[in-house]
Amino acid sequence: MGEVITGRTRGGADWTPEFVTELDASTCIGCGRCYKVCPRDVFQLVERGDMVDDDDDFYDDDDEMMVMTIANADDCIGCVSCARVCPKNCHTHQPLAG
């Protein structure tokens, strides 16, 4: 595997983008903060039942709670803004090898 993709900030400091790789729908509360802060439309709101195992006894079958999902992972620029605003720490990120 090659070196990790890096860049520089405007001030000249080294910066390593960390791209979103997962979003835990079982802990997501659907607040929309990540959706609102993302500059690239990476996320999409979906029904929780479409994302979480049906064996989860915590939620009713009638529960139509909405949660975020990663809809356009390839559009992520690695800014990690989504994780910074998430009150439930649902996002997982990692650098990308070039």
PDB file of N, CA and C in Angstrom:
ATOM      1  N   MET A   1       0.842  -1.166   0.000  1.00  0.00           N
ATOM      2  CA  MET A   1       0.000   0.000   0.000  1.00  0.00           C
ATOM      3  C   MET A   1       0.894   1.238   0.000  1.00  0.00           C
ATOM      4  N   GLY A   2       0.487   2.277  -0.713  1.00  0.00           N
ATOM      5  CA  GLY A   2       1.283   3.482  -0.843  1.00  0.00           C
ATOM      6  C   GLY A   2       1.207   4.381   0.375  1.00  0.00           C
ATOM      7  N   GLU A   3       1.848   5.503   0.266  1.00  0.00           N
ATOM      8  CA  GLU A   3       1.825   6.493   1.336  1.00  0.00           C
ATOM      9  C   GLU A   3       0.431   7.069   1.506  1.00  0.00           C
ATOM     10  N   VAL A   4       0.180   7.577   2.701  1.00  0.00           N
ATOM     11  CA  VAL A   4      -1.101   8.205   3.007  1.00  0.00           C
ATOM     12  C   VAL A   4      -1.169   9.558   2.297  1.00  0.00           C
ATOM     13  N   ILE A   5      -2.336   9.865   1.745  1.00  0.00           N
ATOM     14  CA  ILE A   5      -2.548  11.148   1.084  1.00  0.00           C
ATOM     15  C   ILE A   5      -2.445  12.257   2.127  1.00  0.00           C
ATOM     16  N   THR A   6      -1.634  13.262   1.837  1.00  0.00           N
ATOM     17  CA  THR A   6      -1.491  14.409   2.734  1.00  0.00           C
ATOM     18  C   THR A   6      -1.631  15.692   1.938  1.00  0.00           C
ATOM     19  N   GLY A   7      -1.760  16.776   2.649  1.00  0.00           N
ATOM     20  CA  GLY A   7      -1.850  18.080   2.014  1.00  0.00           C
ATOM     21  C   GLY A   7      -1.238  19.124   2.927  1.00  0.00           C
ATOM     22  N   ARG A   8      -1.459  20.367   2.584  1.00  0.00           N
ATOM     23  CA  ARG A   8      -0.975  21.476   3.400  1.00  0.00           C
ATOM     24  C   ARG A   8      -2.124  22.448   3.641  1.00  0.00           C
ATOM     25  N   THR A   9      -2.103  23.027   4.822  1.00  0.00           N
ATOM     26  CA  THR A   9      -3.083  24.057   5.122  1.00  0.00           C
ATOM     27  C   THR A   9      -2.630  25.360   4.474  1.00  0.00           C
ATOM     28  N   ARG A  10      -3.477  26.333   4.514  1.00  0.00           N
ATOM     29  CA  ARG A  10      -3.128  27.643   3.962  1.00  0.00           C
ATOM     30  C   ARG A  10      -1.880  28.211   4.636  1.00  0.00           C
ATOM     31  N   GLY A  11      -1.709  27.909   5.917  1.00  0.00           N
ATOM     32  CA  GLY A  11      -0.554  28.379   6.671  1.00  0.00           C
ATOM     33  C   GLY A  11       0.704  27.552   6.455  1.00  0.00           C
ATOM     34  N   GLY A  12       0.599  26.492   5.641  1.00  0.00           N
ATOM     35  CA  GLY A  12       1.764  25.683   5.323  1.00  0.00           C
ATOM     36  C   GLY A  12       1.977  24.463   6.202  1.00  0.00           C
ATOM     37  N   ALA A  13       1.099  24.225   7.152  1.00  0.00           N
ATOM     38  CA  ALA A  13       1.216  23.051   8.015  1.00  0.00           C
ATOM     39  C   ALA A  13       0.767  21.798   7.265  1.00  0.00           C
ATOM     40  N   ASP A  14       1.396  20.677   7.572  1.00  0.00           N
ATOM     41  CA  ASP A  14       0.975  19.404   6.993  1.00  0.00           C
ATOM     42  C   ASP A  14      -0.414  19.041   7.507  1.00  0.00           C
ATOM     43  N   TRP A  15      -1.217  18.429   6.647  1.00  0.00           N
ATOM     44  CA  TRP A  15      -2.568  18.027   7.004  1.00  0.00           C
ATOM     45  C   TRP A  15      -2.875  16.692   6.341  1.00  0.00           C
ATOM     46  N   THR A  16      -3.418  15.767   7.105  1.00  0.00           N
ATOM     47  CA  THR A  16      -3.811  14.461   6.587  1.00  0.00           C
ATOM     48  C   THR A  16      -5.324  14.343   6.643  1.00  0.00           C
ATOM     49  N   PRO A  17      -5.992  14.339   5.493  1.00  0.00           N
ATOM     50  CA  PRO A  17      -7.451  14.170   5.504  1.00  0.00           C
ATOM     51  C   PRO A  17      -7.826  12.771   5.991  1.00  0.00           C
ATOM     52  N   GLU A  18      -8.912  12.692   6.735  1.00  0.00           N
ATOM     53  CA  GLU A  18      -9.425  11.405   7.200  1.00  0.00           C
ATOM     54  C   GLU A  18     -10.840  11.267   6.661  1.00  0.00           C
ATOM     55  N   PHE A  19     -11.039  10.306   5.785  1.00  0.00           N
ATOM     56  CA  PHE A  19     -12.286  10.127   5.051  1.00  0.00           C
ATOM     57  C   PHE A  19     -13.264   9.254   5.823  1.00  0.00           C
ATOM     58  N   VAL A  20     -14.546   9.587   5.757  1.00  0.00           N
ATOM     59  CA  VAL A  20     -15.568   8.816   6.458  1.00  0.00           C
ATOM     60  C   VAL A  20     -15.662   7.425   5.833  1.00  0.00           C
ATOM     61  N   THR A  21     -15.642   6.396   6.689  1.00  0.00           N
ATOM     62  CA  THR A  21     -15.701   5.012   6.212  1.00  0.00           C
ATOM     63  C   THR A  21     -16.941   4.287   6.712  1.00  0.00           C
ATOM     64  N   GLU A  22     -17.485   4.739   7.859  1.00  0.00           N
ATOM     65  CA  GLU A  22     -18.667   4.102   8.430  1.00  0.00           C
ATOM     66  C   GLU A  22     -19.495   5.122   9.184  1.00  0.00           C
ATOM     67  N   LEU A  23     -20.780   4.808   9.312  1.00  0.00           N
ATOM     68  CA  LEU A  23     -21.682   5.588  10.155  1.00  0.00           C
ATOM     69  C   LEU A  23     -22.550   4.569  10.887  1.00  0.00           C
ATOM     70  N   ASP A  24     -22.492   4.562  12.205  1.00  0.00           N
ATOM     71  CA  ASP A  24     -23.200   3.577  13.022  1.00  0.00           C
ATOM     72  C   ASP A  24     -24.671   3.975  13.173  1.00  0.00           C
ATOM     73  N   ALA A  25     -25.531   3.338  12.402  1.00  0.00           N
ATOM     74  CA  ALA A  25     -26.965   3.664  12.420  1.00  0.00           C
ATOM     75  C   ALA A  25     -27.623   3.268  13.737  1.00  0.00           C
ATOM     76  N   SER A  26     -27.022   2.346  14.480  1.00  0.00           N
ATOM     77  CA  SER A  26     -27.632   1.925  15.745  1.00  0.00           C
ATOM     78  C   SER A  26     -27.477   2.978  16.833  1.00  0.00           C
ATOM     79  N   THR A  27     -26.517   3.887  16.697  1.00  0.00           N
ATOM     80  CA  THR A  27     -26.349   4.957  17.681  1.00  0.00           C
ATOM     81  C   THR A  27     -26.774   6.319  17.145  1.00  0.00           C
ATOM     82  N   CYS A  28     -26.975   6.426  15.839  1.00  0.00           N
ATOM     83  CA  CYS A  28     -27.387   7.692  15.222  1.00  0.00           C
ATOM     84  C   CYS A  28     -28.786   8.079  15.703  1.00  0.00           C
ATOM     85  N   ILE A  29     -28.963   9.358  16.017  1.00  0.00           N
ATOM     86  CA  ILE A  29     -30.270   9.851  16.459  1.00  0.00           C
ATOM     87  C   ILE A  29     -30.970  10.664  15.370  1.00  0.00           C
ATOM     88  N   GLY A  30     -30.356  10.750  14.197  1.00  0.00           N
ATOM     89  CA  GLY A  30     -30.975  11.440  13.070  1.00  0.00           C
ATOM     90  C   GLY A  30     -31.088  12.942  13.247  1.00  0.00           C
ATOM     91  N   CYS A  31     -30.173  13.531  13.997  1.00  0.00           N
ATOM     92  CA  CYS A  31     -30.254  14.969  14.282  1.00  0.00           C
ATOM     93  C   CYS A  31     -29.951  15.830  13.053  1.00  0.00           C
ATOM     94  N   GLY A  32     -29.224  15.271  12.082  1.00  0.00           N
ATOM     95  CA  GLY A  32     -28.939  15.993  10.848  1.00  0.00           C
ATOM     96  C   GLY A  32     -27.751  16.938  10.912  1.00  0.00           C
ATOM     97  N   ARG A  33     -27.049  16.962  12.027  1.00  0.00           N
ATOM     98  CA  ARG A  33     -25.909  17.878  12.146  1.00  0.00           C
ATOM     99  C   ARG A  33     -24.822  17.555  11.124  1.00  0.00           C
ATOM    100  N   CYS A  34     -24.524  16.290  10.923  1.00  0.00           N
ATOM    101  CA  CYS A  34     -23.491  15.919   9.952  1.00  0.00           C
ATOM    102  C   CYS A  34     -23.927  16.298   8.542  1.00  0.00           C
ATOM    103  N   TYR A  35     -25.196  16.098   8.243  1.00  0.00           N
ATOM    104  CA  TYR A  35     -25.738  16.448   6.933  1.00  0.00           C
ATOM    105  C   TYR A  35     -25.594  17.949   6.678  1.00  0.00           C
ATOM    106  N   LYS A  36     -25.923  18.744   7.688  1.00  0.00           N
ATOM    107  CA  LYS A  36     -25.885  20.196   7.542  1.00  0.00           C
ATOM    108  C   LYS A  36     -24.470  20.732   7.396  1.00  0.00           C
ATOM    109  N   VAL A  37     -23.496  20.129   8.076  1.00  0.00           N
ATOM    110  CA  VAL A  37     -22.140  20.659   8.064  1.00  0.00           C
ATOM    111  C   VAL A  37     -21.309  20.121   6.883  1.00  0.00           C
ATOM    112  N   CYS A  38     -21.732  19.042   6.282  1.00  0.00           N
ATOM    113  CA  CYS A  38     -20.960  18.437   5.188  1.00  0.00           C
ATOM    114  C   CYS A  38     -21.025  19.318   3.929  1.00  0.00           C
ATOM    115  N   PRO A  39     -19.850  19.729   3.415  1.00  0.00           N
ATOM    116  CA  PRO A  39     -19.849  20.584   2.227  1.00  0.00           C
ATOM    117  C   PRO A  39     -20.033  19.816   0.921  1.00  0.00           C
ATOM    118  N   ARG A  40     -20.112  18.488   0.977  1.00  0.00           N
ATOM    119  CA  ARG A  40     -20.121  17.684  -0.244  1.00  0.00           C
ATOM    120  C   ARG A  40     -21.319  16.752  -0.388  1.00  0.00           C
ATOM    121  N   ASP A  41     -22.342  16.883   0.417  1.00  0.00           N
ATOM    122  CA  ASP A  41     -23.535  16.018   0.324  1.00  0.00           C
ATOM    123  C   ASP A  41     -23.198  14.532   0.399  1.00  0.00           C
ATOM    124  N   VAL A  42     -22.374  14.170   1.364  1.00  0.00           N
ATOM    125  CA  VAL A  42     -21.972  12.776   1.545  1.00  0.00           C
ATOM    126  C   VAL A  42     -23.086  11.957   2.194  1.00  0.00           C
ATOM    127  N   PHE A  43     -23.928  12.586   3.022  1.00  0.00           N
ATOM    128  CA  PHE A  43     -24.916  11.869   3.826  1.00  0.00           C
ATOM    129  C   PHE A  43     -26.333  11.986   3.275  1.00  0.00           C
ATOM    130  N   GLN A  44     -27.158  11.011   3.697  1.00  0.00           N
ATOM    131  CA  GLN A  44     -28.563  10.987   3.296  1.00  0.00           C
ATOM    132  C   GLN A  44     -29.380  10.477   4.476  1.00  0.00           C
ATOM    133  N   LEU A  45     -30.558  11.028   4.672  1.00  0.00           N
ATOM    134  CA  LEU A  45     -31.470  10.599   5.726  1.00  0.00           C
ATOM    135  C   LEU A  45     -32.303   9.426   5.212  1.00  0.00           C
ATOM    136  N   VAL A  46     -32.330   8.334   5.996  1.00  0.00           N
ATOM    137  CA  VAL A  46     -33.095   7.139   5.627  1.00  0.00           C
ATOM    138  C   VAL A  46     -33.848   6.631   6.852  1.00  0.00           C
ATOM    139  N   GLU A  47     -34.807   5.751   6.649  1.00  0.00           N
ATOM    140  CA  GLU A  47     -35.511   5.148   7.770  1.00  0.00           C
ATOM    141  C   GLU A  47     -34.575   4.210   8.508  1.00  0.00           C
ATOM    142  N   ARG A  48     -34.606   4.274   9.822  1.00  0.00           N
ATOM    143  CA  ARG A  48     -33.715   3.473  10.656  1.00  0.00           C
ATOM    144  C   ARG A  48     -33.855   1.979  10.373  1.00  0.00           C
ATOM    145  N   GLY A  49     -35.066   1.524  10.123  1.00  0.00           N
ATOM    146  CA  GLY A  49     -35.305   0.110   9.859  1.00  0.00           C
ATOM    147  C   GLY A  49     -34.541  -0.415   8.658  1.00  0.00           C
ATOM    148  N   ASP A  50     -34.206   0.457   7.724  1.00  0.00           N
ATOM    149  CA  ASP A  50     -33.454   0.047   6.545  1.00  0.00           C
ATOM    150  C   ASP A  50     -31.975  -0.167   6.844  1.00  0.00           C
ATOM    151  N   MET A  51     -31.501   0.345   8.000  1.00  0.00           N
ATOM    152  CA  MET A  51     -30.074   0.327   8.296  1.00  0.00           C
ATOM    153  C   MET A  51     -29.682  -0.562   9.471  1.00  0.00           C
ATOM    154  N   VAL A  52     -30.627  -0.898  10.372  1.00  0.00           N
ATOM    155  CA  VAL A  52     -30.313  -1.605  11.598  1.00  0.00           C
ATOM    156  C   VAL A  52     -30.971  -2.974  11.596  1.00  0.00           C
ATOM    157  N   ASP A  53     -30.291  -3.956  12.164  1.00  0.00           N
ATOM    158  CA  ASP A  53     -30.771  -5.326  12.262  1.00  0.00           C
ATOM    159  C   ASP A  53     -32.134  -5.377  12.958  1.00  0.00           C
ATOM    160  N   ASP A  54     -33.059  -6.150  12.425  1.00  0.00           N
ATOM    161  CA  ASP A  54     -34.405  -6.256  12.970  1.00  0.00           C
ATOM    162  C   ASP A  54     -34.445  -6.926  14.341  1.00  0.00           C
ATOM    163  N   ASP A  55     -33.360  -7.559  14.776  1.00  0.00           N
ATOM    164  CA  ASP A  55     -33.320  -8.228  16.073  1.00  0.00           C
ATOM    165  C   ASP A  55     -33.119  -7.251  17.221  1.00  0.00           C
ATOM    166  N   ASP A  56     -32.972  -5.976  16.938  1.00  0.00           N
ATOM    167  CA  ASP A  56     -32.767  -4.958  17.961  1.00  0.00           C
ATOM    168  C   ASP A  56     -34.083  -4.743  18.705  1.00  0.00           C
ATOM    169  N   ASP A  57     -34.160  -5.196  19.978  1.00  0.00           N
ATOM    170  CA  ASP A  57     -35.390  -5.116  20.762  1.00  0.00           C
ATOM    171  C   ASP A  57     -35.654  -3.725  21.324  1.00  0.00           C
ATOM    172  N   PHE A  58     -34.702  -2.841  21.252  1.00  0.00           N
ATOM    173  CA  PHE A  58     -34.849  -1.508  21.824  1.00  0.00           C
ATOM    174  C   PHE A  58     -35.879  -0.677  21.069  1.00  0.00           C
ATOM    175  N   TYR A  59     -36.032  -0.911  19.792  1.00  0.00           N
ATOM    176  CA  TYR A  59     -36.949  -0.126  18.960  1.00  0.00           C
ATOM    177  C   TYR A  59     -38.145  -0.965  18.537  1.00  0.00           C
ATOM    178  N   ASP A  60     -39.306  -0.346  18.520  1.00  0.00           N
ATOM    179  CA  ASP A  60     -40.535  -1.009  18.073  1.00  0.00           C
ATOM    180  C   ASP A  60     -40.502  -1.223  16.565  1.00  0.00           C
ATOM    181  N   ASP A  61     -41.306  -2.164  16.093  1.00  0.00           N
ATOM    182  CA  ASP A  61     -41.431  -2.373  14.648  1.00  0.00           C
ATOM    183  C   ASP A  61     -42.075  -1.171  13.980  1.00  0.00           C
ATOM    184  N   ASP A  62     -42.880  -0.436  14.724  1.00  0.00           N
ATOM    185  CA  ASP A  62     -43.551   0.744  14.180  1.00  0.00           C
ATOM    186  C   ASP A  62     -42.670   1.989  14.205  1.00  0.00           C
ATOM    187  N   ASP A  63     -41.482   1.859  14.749  1.00  0.00           N
ATOM    188  CA  ASP A  63     -40.573   2.994  14.878  1.00  0.00           C
ATOM    189  C   ASP A  63     -40.072   3.407  13.494  1.00  0.00           C
ATOM    190  N   GLU A  64     -40.425   4.602  13.068  1.00  0.00           N
ATOM    191  CA  GLU A  64     -40.005   5.107  11.764  1.00  0.00           C
ATOM    192  C   GLU A  64     -38.953   6.194  11.922  1.00  0.00           C
ATOM    193  N   MET A  65     -38.087   6.032  12.901  1.00  0.00           N
ATOM    194  CA  MET A  65     -37.038   7.005  13.158  1.00  0.00           C
ATOM    195  C   MET A  65     -36.120   7.101  11.941  1.00  0.00           C
ATOM    196  N   MET A  66     -35.718   8.324  11.650  1.00  0.00           N
ATOM    197  CA  MET A  66     -34.808   8.553  10.533  1.00  0.00           C
ATOM    198  C   MET A  66     -33.384   8.655  11.060  1.00  0.00           C
ATOM    199  N   VAL A  67     -32.440   8.103  10.318  1.00  0.00           N
ATOM    200  CA  VAL A  67     -31.021   8.161  10.666  1.00  0.00           C
ATOM    201  C   VAL A  67     -30.218   8.498   9.413  1.00  0.00           C
ATOM    202  N   MET A  68     -28.987   8.881   9.598  1.00  0.00           N
ATOM    203  CA  MET A  68     -28.113   9.197   8.475  1.00  0.00           C
ATOM    204  C   MET A  68     -27.439   7.938   7.944  1.00  0.00           C
ATOM    205  N   THR A  69     -27.117   7.970   6.686  1.00  0.00           N
ATOM    206  CA  THR A  69     -26.330   6.927   6.053  1.00  0.00           C
ATOM    207  C   THR A  69     -25.337   7.611   5.124  1.00  0.00           C
ATOM    208  N   ILE A  70     -24.282   6.903   4.776  1.00  0.00           N
ATOM    209  CA  ILE A  70     -23.301   7.437   3.832  1.00  0.00           C
ATOM    210  C   ILE A  70     -23.809   7.132   2.429  1.00  0.00           C
ATOM    211  N   ALA A  71     -24.203   8.168   1.713  1.00  0.00           N
ATOM    212  CA  ALA A  71     -24.775   8.005   0.381  1.00  0.00           C
ATOM    213  C   ALA A  71     -23.739   8.199  -0.717  1.00  0.00           C
ATOM    214  N   ASN A  72     -22.781   9.097  -0.498  1.00  0.00           N
ATOM    215  CA  ASN A  72     -21.786   9.420  -1.522  1.00  0.00           C
ATOM    216  C   ASN A  72     -20.386   9.463  -0.915  1.00  0.00           C
ATOM    217  N   ALA A  73     -19.886   8.313  -0.496  1.00  0.00           N
ATOM    218  CA  ALA A  73     -18.582   8.239   0.164  1.00  0.00           C
ATOM    219  C   ALA A  73     -17.457   8.799  -0.699  1.00  0.00           C
ATOM    220  N   ASP A  74     -17.564   8.633  -2.006  1.00  0.00           N
ATOM    221  CA  ASP A  74     -16.505   9.112  -2.897  1.00  0.00           C
ATOM    222  C   ASP A  74     -16.414  10.635  -2.950  1.00  0.00           C
ATOM    223  N   ASP A  75     -17.439  11.326  -2.466  1.00  0.00           N
ATOM    224  CA  ASP A  75     -17.421  12.785  -2.449  1.00  0.00           C
ATOM    225  C   ASP A  75     -16.797  13.360  -1.178  1.00  0.00           C
ATOM    226  N   CYS A  76     -16.498  12.514  -0.194  1.00  0.00           N
ATOM    227  CA  CYS A  76     -15.909  12.963   1.066  1.00  0.00           C
ATOM    228  C   CYS A  76     -14.531  13.576   0.806  1.00  0.00           C
ATOM    229  N   ILE A  77     -14.272  14.735   1.424  1.00  0.00           N
ATOM    230  CA  ILE A  77     -12.976  15.402   1.252  1.00  0.00           C
ATOM    231  C   ILE A  77     -12.078  15.229   2.475  1.00  0.00           C
ATOM    232  N   GLY A  78     -12.543  14.503   3.475  1.00  0.00           N
ATOM    233  CA  GLY A  78     -11.710  14.193   4.632  1.00  0.00           C
ATOM    234  C   GLY A  78     -11.589  15.298   5.653  1.00  0.00           C
ATOM    235  N   CYS A  79     -12.544  16.198   5.723  1.00  0.00           N
ATOM    236  CA  CYS A  79     -12.459  17.341   6.649  1.00  0.00           C
ATOM    237  C   CYS A  79     -12.835  16.966   8.083  1.00  0.00           C
ATOM    238  N   VAL A  80     -13.529  15.864   8.276  1.00  0.00           N
ATOM    239  CA  VAL A  80     -13.956  15.329   9.572  1.00  0.00           C
ATOM    240  C   VAL A  80     -14.949  16.252  10.296  1.00  0.00           C
ATOM    241  N   SER A  81     -15.543  17.188   9.585  1.00  0.00           N
ATOM    242  CA  SER A  81     -16.528  18.084  10.202  1.00  0.00           C
ATOM    243  C   SER A  81     -17.709  17.297  10.763  1.00  0.00           C
ATOM    244  N   CYS A  82     -18.110  16.248  10.080  1.00  0.00           N
ATOM    245  CA  CYS A  82     -19.254  15.447  10.522  1.00  0.00           C
ATOM    246  C   CYS A  82     -19.017  14.864  11.914  1.00  0.00           C
ATOM    247  N   ALA A  83     -17.832  14.337  12.147  1.00  0.00           N
ATOM    248  CA  ALA A  83     -17.526  13.742  13.442  1.00  0.00           C
ATOM    249  C   ALA A  83     -17.439  14.798  14.534  1.00  0.00           C
ATOM    250  N   ARG A  84     -16.999  15.968  14.185  1.00  0.00           N
ATOM    251  CA  ARG A  84     -16.867  17.043  15.181  1.00  0.00           C
ATOM    252  C   ARG A  84     -18.221  17.514  15.703  1.00  0.00           C
ATOM    253  N   VAL A  85     -19.267  17.445  14.887  1.00  0.00           N
ATOM    254  CA  VAL A  85     -20.584  17.913  15.319  1.00  0.00           C
ATOM    255  C   VAL A  85     -21.507  16.801  15.804  1.00  0.00           C
ATOM    256  N   CYS A  86     -21.116  15.557  15.642  1.00  0.00           N
ATOM    257  CA  CYS A  86     -21.975  14.426  16.012  1.00  0.00           C
ATOM    258  C   CYS A  86     -22.009  14.234  17.528  1.00  0.00           C
ATOM    259  N   PRO A  87     -23.200  14.340  18.147  1.00  0.00           N
ATOM    260  CA  PRO A  87     -23.287  14.177  19.599  1.00  0.00           C
ATOM    261  C   PRO A  87     -23.176  12.721  20.046  1.00  0.00           C
ATOM    262  N   LYS A  88     -23.255  11.776  19.136  1.00  0.00           N
ATOM    263  CA  LYS A  88     -23.228  10.349  19.479  1.00  0.00           C
ATOM    264  C   LYS A  88     -21.984   9.618  18.963  1.00  0.00           C
ATOM    265  N   ASN A  89     -21.050  10.329  18.371  1.00  0.00           N
ATOM    266  CA  ASN A  89     -19.809   9.732  17.845  1.00  0.00           C
ATOM    267  C   ASN A  89     -20.082   8.551  16.912  1.00  0.00           C
ATOM    268  N   CYS A  90     -20.958   8.765  15.945  1.00  0.00           N
ATOM    269  CA  CYS A  90     -21.379   7.711  15.021  1.00  0.00           C
ATOM    270  C   CYS A  90     -20.403   7.451  13.869  1.00  0.00           C
ATOM    271  N   HIS A  91     -19.530   8.405  13.583  1.00  0.00           N
ATOM    272  CA  HIS A  91     -18.705   8.337  12.380  1.00  0.00           C
ATOM    273  C   HIS A  91     -17.342   7.701  12.630  1.00  0.00           C
ATOM    274  N   THR A  92     -16.894   6.937  11.653  1.00  0.00           N
ATOM    275  CA  THR A  92     -15.557   6.362  11.675  1.00  0.00           C
ATOM    276  C   THR A  92     -14.820   6.906  10.464  1.00  0.00           C
ATOM    277  N   HIS A  93     -13.574   7.336  10.664  1.00  0.00           N
ATOM    278  CA  HIS A  93     -12.759   7.926   9.588  1.00  0.00           C
ATOM    279  C   HIS A  93     -11.403   7.264   9.535  1.00  0.00           C
ATOM    280  N   GLN A  94     -10.766   7.340   8.386  1.00  0.00           N
ATOM    281  CA  GLN A  94      -9.386   6.886   8.258  1.00  0.00           C
ATOM    282  C   GLN A  94      -8.727   7.588   7.084  1.00  0.00           C
ATOM    283  N   PRO A  95      -7.391   7.757   7.167  1.00  0.00           N
ATOM    284  CA  PRO A  95      -6.664   8.324   6.045  1.00  0.00           C
ATOM    285  C   PRO A  95      -6.725   7.370   4.854  1.00  0.00           C
ATOM    286  N   LEU A  96      -6.465   7.897   3.687  1.00  0.00           N
ATOM    287  CA  LEU A  96      -6.509   7.114   2.467  1.00  0.00           C
ATOM    288  C   LEU A  96      -5.112   7.015   1.863  1.00  0.00           C
ATOM    289  N   ALA A  97      -4.728   5.800   1.510  1.00  0.00           N
ATOM    290  CA  ALA A  97      -3.424   5.609   0.876  1.00  0.00           C
ATOM    291  C   ALA A  97      -3.522   6.004  -0.594  1.00  0.00           C
ATOM    292  N   GLY A  98      -2.503   6.697  -1.064  1.00  0.00           N
ATOM    293  CA  GLY A  98      -2.502   7.166  -2.450  1.00  0.00           C
ATOM    294  C   GLY A  98      -1.853   6.229  -3.402  1.00  0.00           C
TER     295      GLY A  98
END
